[in-house]
Amino acid sequence: MLKSSKSRLTRKQLSFFPSDTLFDKIARAVCRAEVLPAKELFEAWEVARRVRRKWRGGRVVDFASGHGLLSHIMLILDDSSAEAVAVDSDFPQNASTLSQSIIDTWPRLTGRIHYVETSIEDFEITPDDMVLAIHACGTLTDRVLEKAVKAGAQVAVLPCCQDIGLSETGGLEGWIDGPLAVDIIRATHLRAEGYSVITRLIPEEITPKNRLLMGCPGK
């Protein structure tokens, strides 16, 4: 299967995920929902497992969440998080279909995944939250980072569509690729705010926009 495919997974692809591994169980639930591209499944899984290797607990806040798959996977991987909130300004109409398919497989998630349709600025977060965003386009990633830093919350973003005309580059684009310069400056800003910074890559076969930036305050 092409992991970068933007085609929807359907019941026809169930045979691609036959094992009892946790990933295959999640993938089969996604296939049964028939609403999500393969690319988004692999992105959410790779981000969630890297974040959960470092951080446990906390309310999960998934900005620019789309269907909300990341919120579900984060709770599947760590049951010590009481709840997850998928936040988006405009949810896909079939987001609830995906959620129900996953909850049918993991009934313990019932009542713990919340969808809130609002802007990033209007959603309140706390220092105990874990703030996430996968491919929040352009300066939307900067707004997520600013929101997390203001609250003193843990944050992890997988940026995309970096706009070197609107986001800071630190003048580094004369040496390195402009989007990479933007992400380096984002990391240095987190460090300047007292955050411990962790950088990771998810597989490029899923997306070339594969730089994962994580920050934890006060350490």
N, C-alpha and C. Protein backbone atom coordinates (compact mmCIF):
# COMPACT_ATOMS: atom_id res chain seq x y z
N MET A 1 0.84 -1.20 0.00
CA MET A 1 0.00 0.00 0.00
C MET A 1 0.88 1.25 0.00
N LEU A 2 0.49 2.23 -0.81
CA LEU A 2 1.20 3.50 -0.85
C LEU A 2 0.79 4.33 0.37
N LYS A 3 1.74 4.54 1.30
CA LYS A 3 1.40 5.21 2.55
C LYS A 3 1.07 6.68 2.36
N SER A 4 1.48 7.26 1.26
CA SER A 4 1.18 8.66 0.99
C SER A 4 -0.12 8.86 0.22
N SER A 5 -0.87 7.78 0.00
CA SER A 5 -2.07 7.85 -0.82
C SER A 5 -3.13 8.74 -0.18
N LYS A 6 -3.75 9.57 -1.02
CA LYS A 6 -4.84 10.43 -0.55
C LYS A 6 -6.21 9.82 -0.86
N SER A 7 -6.20 8.58 -1.32
CA SER A 7 -7.45 7.86 -1.57
C SER A 7 -8.00 7.32 -0.25
N ARG A 8 -9.31 7.30 -0.15
CA ARG A 8 -9.93 6.81 1.08
C ARG A 8 -9.71 5.32 1.27
N LEU A 9 -9.43 4.96 2.50
CA LEU A 9 -9.40 3.55 2.86
C LEU A 9 -10.84 3.04 2.97
N THR A 10 -11.10 1.85 2.45
CA THR A 10 -12.43 1.26 2.50
C THR A 10 -12.34 -0.18 2.98
N ARG A 11 -13.46 -0.83 3.08
CA ARG A 11 -13.47 -2.23 3.50
C ARG A 11 -12.68 -3.13 2.53
N LYS A 12 -12.50 -2.66 1.31
CA LYS A 12 -11.72 -3.43 0.34
C LYS A 12 -10.25 -3.55 0.76
N GLN A 13 -9.79 -2.61 1.60
CA GLN A 13 -8.39 -2.64 2.04
C GLN A 13 -8.19 -3.35 3.39
N LEU A 14 -9.24 -3.93 3.94
CA LEU A 14 -9.11 -4.62 5.23
C LEU A 14 -8.03 -5.69 5.19
N SER A 15 -7.88 -6.34 4.06
CA SER A 15 -6.92 -7.44 3.96
C SER A 15 -5.47 -6.97 4.05
N PHE A 16 -5.24 -5.68 3.89
CA PHE A 16 -3.89 -5.14 4.03
C PHE A 16 -3.45 -5.09 5.49
N PHE A 17 -4.39 -5.24 6.42
CA PHE A 17 -4.10 -5.08 7.85
C PHE A 17 -4.61 -6.31 8.62
N PRO A 18 -4.01 -7.48 8.40
CA PRO A 18 -4.58 -8.73 8.94
C PRO A 18 -4.14 -9.11 10.35
N SER A 19 -3.13 -8.44 10.87
CA SER A 19 -2.50 -8.94 12.10
C SER A 19 -3.23 -8.43 13.35
N ASP A 20 -2.75 -8.90 14.51
CA ASP A 20 -3.29 -8.47 15.80
C ASP A 20 -2.52 -7.30 16.39
N THR A 21 -1.64 -6.67 15.61
CA THR A 21 -0.92 -5.52 16.12
C THR A 21 -1.89 -4.36 16.36
N LEU A 22 -1.49 -3.46 17.24
CA LEU A 22 -2.35 -2.33 17.56
C LEU A 22 -2.59 -1.47 16.32
N PHE A 23 -1.55 -1.26 15.54
CA PHE A 23 -1.73 -0.44 14.34
C PHE A 23 -2.75 -1.07 13.39
N ASP A 24 -2.64 -2.37 13.16
CA ASP A 24 -3.57 -3.02 12.23
C ASP A 24 -5.01 -2.97 12.74
N LYS A 25 -5.19 -3.05 14.05
CA LYS A 25 -6.55 -2.94 14.62
C LYS A 25 -7.12 -1.55 14.36
N ILE A 26 -6.27 -0.53 14.56
CA ILE A 26 -6.71 0.84 14.28
C ILE A 26 -7.01 1.00 12.79
N ALA A 27 -6.13 0.47 11.96
CA ALA A 27 -6.31 0.59 10.51
C ALA A 27 -7.61 -0.07 10.05
N ARG A 28 -7.94 -1.22 10.64
CA ARG A 28 -9.19 -1.90 10.24
C ARG A 28 -10.41 -1.06 10.64
N ALA A 29 -10.34 -0.40 11.79
CA ALA A 29 -11.45 0.47 12.20
C ALA A 29 -11.59 1.64 11.23
N VAL A 30 -10.46 2.17 10.77
CA VAL A 30 -10.48 3.26 9.79
C VAL A 30 -11.05 2.76 8.46
N CYS A 31 -10.66 1.58 8.04
CA CYS A 31 -11.19 1.01 6.80
C CYS A 31 -12.71 0.84 6.87
N ARG A 32 -13.18 0.37 8.00
CA ARG A 32 -14.63 0.16 8.14
C ARG A 32 -15.40 1.47 8.09
N ALA A 33 -14.78 2.56 8.52
CA ALA A 33 -15.45 3.87 8.47
C ALA A 33 -15.54 4.39 7.04
N GLU A 34 -14.57 4.07 6.22
CA GLU A 34 -14.55 4.45 4.80
C GLU A 34 -14.62 5.97 4.58
N VAL A 35 -13.88 6.72 5.41
CA VAL A 35 -13.93 8.18 5.28
C VAL A 35 -12.55 8.83 5.23
N LEU A 36 -11.47 8.08 5.50
CA LEU A 36 -10.18 8.71 5.73
C LEU A 36 -9.13 8.25 4.72
N PRO A 37 -8.33 9.16 4.18
CA PRO A 37 -7.23 8.77 3.29
C PRO A 37 -6.15 7.98 4.05
N ALA A 38 -5.48 7.10 3.34
CA ALA A 38 -4.41 6.31 3.95
C ALA A 38 -3.33 7.20 4.55
N LYS A 39 -2.98 8.27 3.85
CA LYS A 39 -1.94 9.19 4.31
C LYS A 39 -2.23 9.69 5.73
N GLU A 40 -3.47 10.03 6.02
CA GLU A 40 -3.81 10.58 7.34
C GLU A 40 -3.73 9.52 8.43
N LEU A 41 -4.03 8.28 8.08
CA LEU A 41 -3.87 7.19 9.05
C LEU A 41 -2.41 7.04 9.44
N PHE A 42 -1.52 6.96 8.46
CA PHE A 42 -0.11 6.74 8.75
C PHE A 42 0.51 7.95 9.45
N GLU A 43 0.12 9.16 9.05
CA GLU A 43 0.63 10.36 9.71
C GLU A 43 0.25 10.38 11.19
N ALA A 44 -1.01 10.15 11.47
CA ALA A 44 -1.49 10.21 12.86
C ALA A 44 -0.80 9.15 13.71
N TRP A 45 -0.65 7.95 13.17
CA TRP A 45 -0.01 6.87 13.92
C TRP A 45 1.45 7.21 14.23
N GLU A 46 2.19 7.67 13.23
CA GLU A 46 3.61 7.95 13.42
C GLU A 46 3.83 9.11 14.40
N VAL A 47 2.99 10.13 14.33
CA VAL A 47 3.10 11.25 15.27
C VAL A 47 2.73 10.80 16.68
N ALA A 48 1.61 10.12 16.82
CA ALA A 48 1.13 9.73 18.15
C ALA A 48 2.12 8.84 18.88
N ARG A 49 2.68 7.86 18.20
CA ARG A 49 3.58 6.96 18.91
C ARG A 49 4.90 7.63 19.30
N ARG A 50 5.36 8.60 18.52
CA ARG A 50 6.56 9.34 18.90
C ARG A 50 6.30 10.24 20.09
N VAL A 51 5.14 10.87 20.09
CA VAL A 51 4.79 11.74 21.23
C VAL A 51 4.61 10.91 22.50
N ARG A 52 3.91 9.79 22.40
CA ARG A 52 3.65 8.98 23.59
C ARG A 52 4.90 8.28 24.13
N ARG A 53 5.93 8.15 23.33
CA ARG A 53 7.19 7.63 23.85
C ARG A 53 7.80 8.59 24.86
N LYS A 54 7.46 9.88 24.72
CA LYS A 54 8.04 10.91 25.59
C LYS A 54 7.10 11.38 26.69
N TRP A 55 5.81 11.47 26.38
CA TRP A 55 4.87 12.11 27.30
C TRP A 55 3.68 11.22 27.57
N ARG A 56 3.24 11.24 28.83
CA ARG A 56 2.05 10.50 29.24
C ARG A 56 1.06 11.45 29.89
N GLY A 57 -0.18 11.00 29.94
CA GLY A 57 -1.21 11.76 30.66
C GLY A 57 -1.58 13.06 29.98
N GLY A 58 -2.33 13.88 30.71
CA GLY A 58 -2.76 15.17 30.20
C GLY A 58 -3.98 15.09 29.32
N ARG A 59 -4.73 16.17 29.28
CA ARG A 59 -5.82 16.26 28.30
C ARG A 59 -5.21 16.52 26.94
N VAL A 60 -5.59 15.74 25.97
CA VAL A 60 -5.09 15.90 24.61
C VAL A 60 -5.93 16.95 23.90
N VAL A 61 -5.27 17.95 23.33
CA VAL A 61 -5.96 18.97 22.54
C VAL A 61 -5.37 18.93 21.13
N ASP A 62 -6.18 18.51 20.18
CA ASP A 62 -5.76 18.28 18.80
C ASP A 62 -6.30 19.40 17.92
N PHE A 63 -5.46 20.41 17.65
CA PHE A 63 -5.88 21.54 16.83
C PHE A 63 -5.81 21.20 15.35
N ALA A 64 -6.69 21.85 14.56
CA ALA A 64 -6.79 21.58 13.12
C ALA A 64 -6.93 20.08 12.91
N SER A 65 -7.85 19.49 13.66
CA SER A 65 -7.89 18.04 13.84
C SER A 65 -8.51 17.27 12.68
N GLY A 66 -9.28 17.95 11.82
CA GLY A 66 -9.95 17.22 10.76
C GLY A 66 -10.90 16.18 11.33
N HIS A 67 -10.72 14.93 10.94
CA HIS A 67 -11.60 13.85 11.42
C HIS A 67 -11.36 13.47 12.88
N GLY A 68 -10.24 13.92 13.46
CA GLY A 68 -9.99 13.64 14.87
C GLY A 68 -9.31 12.31 15.15
N LEU A 69 -8.71 11.69 14.14
CA LEU A 69 -8.07 10.39 14.37
C LEU A 69 -6.96 10.47 15.39
N LEU A 70 -6.15 11.52 15.34
CA LEU A 70 -5.04 11.66 16.28
C LEU A 70 -5.53 11.64 17.73
N SER A 71 -6.64 12.30 18.00
CA SER A 71 -7.19 12.31 19.36
C SER A 71 -7.48 10.90 19.84
N HIS A 72 -8.07 10.09 18.99
CA HIS A 72 -8.40 8.71 19.36
C HIS A 72 -7.15 7.88 19.61
N ILE A 73 -6.17 7.99 18.70
CA ILE A 73 -4.96 7.18 18.85
C ILE A 73 -4.20 7.56 20.12
N MET A 74 -4.17 8.82 20.45
CA MET A 74 -3.46 9.25 21.66
C MET A 74 -4.04 8.61 22.90
N LEU A 75 -5.36 8.46 22.96
CA LEU A 75 -5.99 7.81 24.13
C LEU A 75 -5.85 6.30 24.07
N ILE A 76 -5.83 5.74 22.88
CA ILE A 76 -5.61 4.29 22.76
C ILE A 76 -4.22 3.94 23.27
N LEU A 77 -3.24 4.77 22.95
CA LEU A 77 -1.86 4.50 23.35
C LEU A 77 -1.61 4.75 24.83
N ASP A 78 -2.37 5.64 25.44
CA ASP A 78 -2.16 5.97 26.85
C ASP A 78 -3.50 6.26 27.52
N ASP A 79 -3.99 5.30 28.26
CA ASP A 79 -5.30 5.42 28.89
C ASP A 79 -5.29 6.36 30.09
N SER A 80 -4.10 6.85 30.49
CA SER A 80 -4.05 7.76 31.63
C SER A 80 -4.51 9.17 31.26
N SER A 81 -4.63 9.47 29.98
CA SER A 81 -5.27 10.71 29.55
C SER A 81 -6.78 10.53 29.66
N ALA A 82 -7.40 11.36 30.45
CA ALA A 82 -8.84 11.19 30.70
C ALA A 82 -9.68 11.50 29.47
N GLU A 83 -9.24 12.46 28.66
CA GLU A 83 -10.05 12.86 27.52
C GLU A 83 -9.19 13.49 26.44
N ALA A 84 -9.76 13.61 25.26
CA ALA A 84 -9.13 14.29 24.14
C ALA A 84 -10.15 15.20 23.49
N VAL A 85 -9.69 16.36 23.04
CA VAL A 85 -10.56 17.33 22.38
C VAL A 85 -10.04 17.59 20.98
N ALA A 86 -10.84 17.28 19.98
CA ALA A 86 -10.53 17.61 18.60
C ALA A 86 -11.10 18.99 18.31
N VAL A 87 -10.24 19.91 17.92
CA VAL A 87 -10.65 21.30 17.70
C VAL A 87 -10.42 21.66 16.24
N ASP A 88 -11.46 22.17 15.59
CA ASP A 88 -11.33 22.59 14.20
C ASP A 88 -12.39 23.65 13.92
N SER A 89 -12.10 24.50 12.96
CA SER A 89 -13.08 25.55 12.62
C SER A 89 -14.19 25.01 11.73
N ASP A 90 -13.96 23.84 11.12
CA ASP A 90 -14.97 23.27 10.22
C ASP A 90 -14.70 21.77 10.07
N PHE A 91 -15.45 20.96 10.79
CA PHE A 91 -15.23 19.52 10.76
C PHE A 91 -15.80 18.89 9.49
N PRO A 92 -15.16 17.83 8.98
CA PRO A 92 -15.78 17.04 7.92
C PRO A 92 -17.11 16.46 8.41
N GLN A 93 -18.08 16.37 7.54
CA GLN A 93 -19.40 15.88 7.94
C GLN A 93 -19.35 14.44 8.46
N ASN A 94 -18.37 13.68 7.99
CA ASN A 94 -18.31 12.27 8.38
C ASN A 94 -17.31 11.99 9.51
N ALA A 95 -16.90 13.03 10.23
CA ALA A 95 -15.98 12.83 11.35
C ALA A 95 -16.57 11.90 12.40
N SER A 96 -17.86 12.02 12.64
CA SER A 96 -18.51 11.17 13.64
C SER A 96 -18.53 9.71 13.21
N THR A 97 -18.55 9.47 11.91
CA THR A 97 -18.51 8.10 11.41
C THR A 97 -17.20 7.43 11.77
N LEU A 98 -16.10 8.14 11.58
CA LEU A 98 -14.79 7.61 11.96
C LEU A 98 -14.72 7.37 13.46
N SER A 99 -15.17 8.35 14.24
CA SER A 99 -15.12 8.22 15.69
C SER A 99 -15.89 7.00 16.17
N GLN A 100 -17.08 6.80 15.65
CA GLN A 100 -17.90 5.68 16.09
C GLN A 100 -17.27 4.34 15.72
N SER A 101 -16.63 4.28 14.55
CA SER A 101 -15.98 3.04 14.15
C SER A 101 -14.85 2.67 15.10
N ILE A 102 -14.09 3.67 15.54
CA ILE A 102 -13.00 3.41 16.48
C ILE A 102 -13.54 3.07 17.87
N ILE A 103 -14.58 3.78 18.29
CA ILE A 103 -15.17 3.50 19.62
C ILE A 103 -15.82 2.13 19.65
N ASP A 104 -16.36 1.68 18.54
CA ASP A 104 -16.91 0.32 18.48
C ASP A 104 -15.84 -0.72 18.80
N THR A 105 -14.59 -0.43 18.42
CA THR A 105 -13.48 -1.34 18.69
C THR A 105 -12.91 -1.12 20.08
N TRP A 106 -12.90 0.13 20.55
CA TRP A 106 -12.40 0.47 21.88
C TRP A 106 -13.51 1.18 22.67
N PRO A 107 -14.46 0.43 23.22
CA PRO A 107 -15.58 1.04 23.93
C PRO A 107 -15.16 1.92 25.11
N ARG A 108 -13.95 1.71 25.64
CA ARG A 108 -13.49 2.53 26.77
C ARG A 108 -13.30 4.00 26.38
N LEU A 109 -13.32 4.29 25.09
CA LEU A 109 -13.21 5.69 24.65
C LEU A 109 -14.55 6.41 24.65
N THR A 110 -15.62 5.71 24.93
CA THR A 110 -16.95 6.31 24.91
C THR A 110 -17.02 7.50 25.87
N GLY A 111 -17.46 8.64 25.36
CA GLY A 111 -17.62 9.84 26.18
C GLY A 111 -16.33 10.57 26.49
N ARG A 112 -15.21 10.13 25.92
CA ARG A 112 -13.92 10.74 26.23
C ARG A 112 -13.32 11.52 25.07
N ILE A 113 -13.94 11.43 23.90
CA ILE A 113 -13.48 12.19 22.73
C ILE A 113 -14.51 13.27 22.45
N HIS A 114 -14.07 14.50 22.43
CA HIS A 114 -14.99 15.63 22.24
C HIS A 114 -14.58 16.42 20.99
N TYR A 115 -15.57 16.79 20.21
CA TYR A 115 -15.35 17.63 19.03
C TYR A 115 -15.86 19.04 19.33
N VAL A 116 -14.96 20.02 19.18
CA VAL A 116 -15.33 21.41 19.45
C VAL A 116 -15.02 22.24 18.20
N GLU A 117 -16.07 22.79 17.61
CA GLU A 117 -15.90 23.60 16.40
C GLU A 117 -15.72 25.06 16.78
N THR A 118 -14.47 25.52 16.72
CA THR A 118 -14.14 26.88 17.11
C THR A 118 -12.76 27.21 16.56
N SER A 119 -12.33 28.44 16.75
CA SER A 119 -11.00 28.84 16.32
C SER A 119 -9.97 28.48 17.39
N ILE A 120 -8.72 28.45 16.99
CA ILE A 120 -7.64 28.20 17.96
C ILE A 120 -7.65 29.26 19.04
N GLU A 121 -7.84 30.50 18.65
CA GLU A 121 -7.79 31.59 19.61
C GLU A 121 -8.90 31.50 20.66
N ASP A 122 -10.05 30.94 20.30
CA ASP A 122 -11.19 30.91 21.21
C ASP A 122 -11.25 29.67 22.09
N PHE A 123 -10.31 28.75 21.90
CA PHE A 123 -10.29 27.53 22.73
C PHE A 123 -9.28 27.69 23.85
N GLU A 124 -9.72 27.50 25.07
CA GLU A 124 -8.85 27.69 26.23
C GLU A 124 -8.08 26.41 26.55
N ILE A 125 -6.78 26.55 26.73
CA ILE A 125 -5.97 25.42 27.17
C ILE A 125 -5.31 25.75 28.50
N THR A 126 -4.81 24.71 29.17
CA THR A 126 -4.19 24.86 30.49
C THR A 126 -2.78 24.29 30.45
N PRO A 127 -1.98 24.55 31.49
CA PRO A 127 -0.63 23.99 31.53
C PRO A 127 -0.60 22.48 31.57
N ASP A 128 -1.70 21.84 31.93
CA ASP A 128 -1.74 20.38 32.01
C ASP A 128 -2.11 19.72 30.69
N ASP A 129 -2.43 20.53 29.69
CA ASP A 129 -2.84 19.98 28.40
C ASP A 129 -1.64 19.55 27.57
N MET A 130 -1.88 18.65 26.63
CA MET A 130 -0.90 18.27 25.62
C MET A 130 -1.46 18.74 24.29
N VAL A 131 -0.81 19.74 23.71
CA VAL A 131 -1.32 20.40 22.50
C VAL A 131 -0.65 19.80 21.27
N LEU A 132 -1.46 19.41 20.30
CA LEU A 132 -0.96 18.75 19.10
C LEU A 132 -1.55 19.39 17.84
N ALA A 133 -0.80 19.29 16.75
CA ALA A 133 -1.35 19.72 15.45
C ALA A 133 -0.56 19.03 14.34
N ILE A 134 -1.26 18.31 13.50
CA ILE A 134 -0.66 17.69 12.32
C ILE A 134 -1.02 18.53 11.10
N HIS A 135 -0.01 19.04 10.43
CA HIS A 135 -0.18 19.79 9.19
C HIS A 135 -1.20 20.92 9.31
N ALA A 136 -1.01 21.71 10.38
CA ALA A 136 -1.74 22.98 10.48
C ALA A 136 -1.04 23.94 9.52
N CYS A 137 -1.70 24.26 8.42
CA CYS A 137 -1.03 24.89 7.28
C CYS A 137 -0.47 26.27 7.60
N GLY A 138 0.73 26.53 7.09
CA GLY A 138 1.33 27.84 7.16
C GLY A 138 1.45 28.39 8.57
N THR A 139 0.97 29.63 8.73
CA THR A 139 1.09 30.29 10.03
C THR A 139 0.14 29.73 11.08
N LEU A 140 -0.74 28.83 10.69
CA LEU A 140 -1.61 28.17 11.67
C LEU A 140 -0.76 27.41 12.68
N THR A 141 0.34 26.82 12.23
CA THR A 141 1.26 26.16 13.15
C THR A 141 1.84 27.15 14.15
N ASP A 142 2.19 28.35 13.69
CA ASP A 142 2.71 29.38 14.60
C ASP A 142 1.69 29.75 15.66
N ARG A 143 0.43 29.82 15.27
CA ARG A 143 -0.62 30.15 16.22
C ARG A 143 -0.80 29.05 17.27
N VAL A 144 -0.65 27.79 16.84
CA VAL A 144 -0.71 26.68 17.79
C VAL A 144 0.43 26.77 18.78
N LEU A 145 1.63 27.01 18.29
CA LEU A 145 2.80 27.12 19.16
C LEU A 145 2.65 28.29 20.14
N GLU A 146 2.19 29.43 19.64
CA GLU A 146 2.00 30.59 20.51
C GLU A 146 0.97 30.31 21.59
N LYS A 147 -0.10 29.63 21.23
CA LYS A 147 -1.15 29.29 22.19
C LYS A 147 -0.59 28.38 23.28
N ALA A 148 0.17 27.38 22.89
CA ALA A 148 0.73 26.45 23.87
C ALA A 148 1.72 27.13 24.78
N VAL A 149 2.59 27.95 24.21
CA VAL A 149 3.60 28.64 25.02
C VAL A 149 2.95 29.58 26.02
N LYS A 150 1.93 30.29 25.60
CA LYS A 150 1.24 31.22 26.50
C LYS A 150 0.65 30.50 27.70
N ALA A 151 0.18 29.27 27.49
CA ALA A 151 -0.40 28.49 28.59
C ALA A 151 0.65 27.69 29.34
N GLY A 152 1.84 27.54 28.77
CA GLY A 152 2.87 26.70 29.38
C GLY A 152 2.55 25.23 29.25
N ALA A 153 2.00 24.83 28.10
CA ALA A 153 1.60 23.44 27.87
C ALA A 153 2.61 22.73 26.97
N GLN A 154 2.66 21.41 27.08
CA GLN A 154 3.43 20.62 26.14
C GLN A 154 2.83 20.78 24.74
N VAL A 155 3.71 20.71 23.73
CA VAL A 155 3.22 20.92 22.38
C VAL A 155 4.02 20.08 21.40
N ALA A 156 3.33 19.56 20.39
CA ALA A 156 3.97 18.82 19.31
C ALA A 156 3.26 19.17 18.01
N VAL A 157 4.04 19.58 17.00
CA VAL A 157 3.46 19.96 15.72
C VAL A 157 4.23 19.29 14.59
N LEU A 158 3.51 18.96 13.53
CA LEU A 158 4.09 18.47 12.28
C LEU A 158 3.74 19.52 11.23
N PRO A 159 4.62 20.52 11.03
CA PRO A 159 4.27 21.66 10.17
C PRO A 159 4.17 21.30 8.70
N CYS A 160 3.45 22.14 7.95
CA CYS A 160 3.42 22.02 6.50
C CYS A 160 3.17 23.39 5.90
N CYS A 161 3.40 23.50 4.60
CA CYS A 161 3.09 24.71 3.83
C CYS A 161 3.67 25.97 4.48
N GLN A 162 4.92 25.85 4.93
CA GLN A 162 5.57 27.00 5.56
C GLN A 162 5.61 28.18 4.60
N ASP A 163 5.18 29.33 5.07
CA ASP A 163 5.13 30.54 4.25
C ASP A 163 6.28 31.44 4.64
N ILE A 164 7.34 31.45 3.83
CA ILE A 164 8.52 32.23 4.20
C ILE A 164 8.27 33.73 4.09
N GLY A 165 7.14 34.11 3.52
CA GLY A 165 6.79 35.51 3.48
C GLY A 165 6.10 35.99 4.75
N LEU A 166 5.51 35.05 5.48
CA LEU A 166 4.76 35.41 6.69
C LEU A 166 5.40 34.87 7.98
N SER A 167 6.08 33.72 7.90
CA SER A 167 6.73 33.15 9.07
C SER A 167 8.20 33.56 9.10
N GLU A 168 8.77 33.62 10.28
CA GLU A 168 10.16 34.04 10.42
C GLU A 168 11.12 32.98 9.89
N THR A 169 12.18 33.47 9.22
CA THR A 169 13.22 32.57 8.72
C THR A 169 14.57 32.85 9.36
N GLY A 170 14.69 33.96 10.08
CA GLY A 170 15.97 34.32 10.69
C GLY A 170 17.05 34.63 9.67
N GLY A 171 16.68 34.87 8.43
CA GLY A 171 17.66 35.13 7.39
C GLY A 171 18.41 33.90 6.93
N LEU A 172 17.98 32.73 7.39
CA LEU A 172 18.72 31.50 7.09
C LEU A 172 18.45 30.94 5.70
N GLU A 173 17.45 31.49 5.01
CA GLU A 173 17.10 30.92 3.71
C GLU A 173 18.19 31.15 2.66
N GLY A 174 19.20 31.97 2.97
CA GLY A 174 20.35 32.10 2.09
C GLY A 174 21.26 30.89 2.14
N TRP A 175 21.15 30.10 3.20
CA TRP A 175 21.98 28.90 3.39
C TRP A 175 21.21 27.61 3.21
N ILE A 176 19.97 27.62 3.69
CA ILE A 176 19.20 26.37 3.72
C ILE A 176 17.81 26.62 3.12
N ASP A 177 17.12 25.53 2.87
CA ASP A 177 15.76 25.58 2.36
C ASP A 177 14.88 26.46 3.23
N GLY A 178 14.07 27.33 2.61
CA GLY A 178 13.24 28.27 3.36
C GLY A 178 12.32 27.63 4.38
N PRO A 179 11.54 26.59 4.01
CA PRO A 179 10.68 25.93 5.00
C PRO A 179 11.45 25.35 6.18
N LEU A 180 12.65 24.80 5.93
CA LEU A 180 13.47 24.30 7.03
C LEU A 180 13.91 25.44 7.94
N ALA A 181 14.24 26.59 7.34
CA ALA A 181 14.61 27.76 8.15
C ALA A 181 13.46 28.16 9.07
N VAL A 182 12.24 28.14 8.54
CA VAL A 182 11.06 28.49 9.36
C VAL A 182 10.96 27.56 10.56
N ASP A 183 11.13 26.26 10.34
CA ASP A 183 10.99 25.30 11.43
C ASP A 183 12.13 25.39 12.43
N ILE A 184 13.33 25.73 11.97
CA ILE A 184 14.45 25.93 12.90
C ILE A 184 14.17 27.13 13.80
N ILE A 185 13.66 28.20 13.22
CA ILE A 185 13.33 29.38 14.04
C ILE A 185 12.22 29.06 15.03
N ARG A 186 11.26 28.24 14.62
CA ARG A 186 10.21 27.83 15.56
C ARG A 186 10.82 27.08 16.75
N ALA A 187 11.76 26.20 16.47
CA ALA A 187 12.42 25.46 17.54
C ALA A 187 13.22 26.38 18.45
N THR A 188 13.92 27.34 17.88
CA THR A 188 14.71 28.26 18.70
C THR A 188 13.82 29.15 19.55
N HIS A 189 12.65 29.52 19.03
CA HIS A 189 11.71 30.31 19.82
C HIS A 189 11.22 29.51 21.03
N LEU A 190 10.95 28.22 20.83
CA LEU A 190 10.55 27.39 21.96
C LEU A 190 11.65 27.34 23.02
N ARG A 191 12.89 27.17 22.57
CA ARG A 191 14.02 27.15 23.51
C ARG A 191 14.11 28.47 24.29
N ALA A 192 13.91 29.57 23.58
CA ALA A 192 13.99 30.89 24.22
C ALA A 192 12.90 31.08 25.26
N GLU A 193 11.78 30.36 25.11
CA GLU A 193 10.67 30.44 26.08
C GLU A 193 10.85 29.45 27.22
N GLY A 194 12.02 28.82 27.31
CA GLY A 194 12.29 27.90 28.40
C GLY A 194 11.84 26.47 28.15
N TYR A 195 11.55 26.15 26.92
CA TYR A 195 11.10 24.81 26.57
C TYR A 195 12.29 23.89 26.25
N SER A 196 12.16 22.64 26.64
CA SER A 196 13.05 21.60 26.17
C SER A 196 12.53 21.14 24.81
N VAL A 197 13.39 21.15 23.80
CA VAL A 197 12.97 20.87 22.43
C VAL A 197 13.43 19.49 21.99
N ILE A 198 12.52 18.77 21.34
CA ILE A 198 12.81 17.47 20.76
C ILE A 198 12.42 17.52 19.29
N THR A 199 13.29 17.07 18.41
CA THR A 199 12.98 17.02 16.99
C THR A 199 13.05 15.58 16.50
N ARG A 200 12.08 15.23 15.69
CA ARG A 200 12.01 13.88 15.13
C ARG A 200 11.54 13.97 13.67
N LEU A 201 11.69 12.88 12.94
CA LEU A 201 11.16 12.77 11.59
C LEU A 201 10.22 11.58 11.53
N ILE A 202 9.10 11.75 10.82
CA ILE A 202 8.29 10.58 10.49
C ILE A 202 8.72 10.13 9.09
N PRO A 203 8.42 8.92 8.67
CA PRO A 203 8.92 8.43 7.38
C PRO A 203 8.53 9.32 6.20
N GLU A 204 9.51 9.61 5.37
CA GLU A 204 9.28 10.48 4.21
C GLU A 204 8.37 9.83 3.18
N GLU A 205 8.25 8.50 3.24
CA GLU A 205 7.37 7.81 2.30
C GLU A 205 5.89 8.15 2.57
N ILE A 206 5.61 8.69 3.76
CA ILE A 206 4.25 9.13 4.08
C ILE A 206 4.04 10.56 3.59
N THR A 207 4.99 11.43 3.91
CA THR A 207 4.91 12.83 3.52
C THR A 207 6.30 13.46 3.55
N PRO A 208 6.61 14.33 2.59
CA PRO A 208 7.87 15.07 2.67
C PRO A 208 7.83 16.14 3.74
N LYS A 209 6.63 16.51 4.19
CA LYS A 209 6.47 17.46 5.29
C LYS A 209 6.51 16.67 6.60
N ASN A 210 7.69 16.16 6.93
CA ASN A 210 7.79 15.11 7.95
C ASN A 210 8.55 15.51 9.20
N ARG A 211 8.75 16.81 9.44
CA ARG A 211 9.50 17.25 10.62
C ARG A 211 8.56 17.42 11.82
N LEU A 212 8.80 16.62 12.84
CA LEU A 212 8.00 16.70 14.07
C LEU A 212 8.76 17.52 15.10
N LEU A 213 8.15 18.59 15.57
CA LEU A 213 8.74 19.49 16.57
C LEU A 213 7.96 19.34 17.87
N MET A 214 8.67 18.97 18.96
CA MET A 214 8.04 18.78 20.25
C MET A 214 8.70 19.70 21.27
N GLY A 215 7.90 20.25 22.18
CA GLY A 215 8.44 21.10 23.22
C GLY A 215 7.76 20.88 24.55
N CYS A 216 8.58 20.81 25.61
CA CYS A 216 8.06 20.62 26.97
C CYS A 216 8.57 21.77 27.84
N PRO A 217 7.69 22.48 28.54
CA PRO A 217 8.13 23.66 29.30
C PRO A 217 8.86 23.31 30.59
N GLY A 218 9.76 24.18 30.96
CA GLY A 218 10.37 24.15 32.28
C GLY A 218 11.31 23.01 32.55
N LYS A 219 11.90 22.41 31.52
CA LYS A 219 12.81 21.28 31.72
C LYS A 219 14.05 21.45 30.86
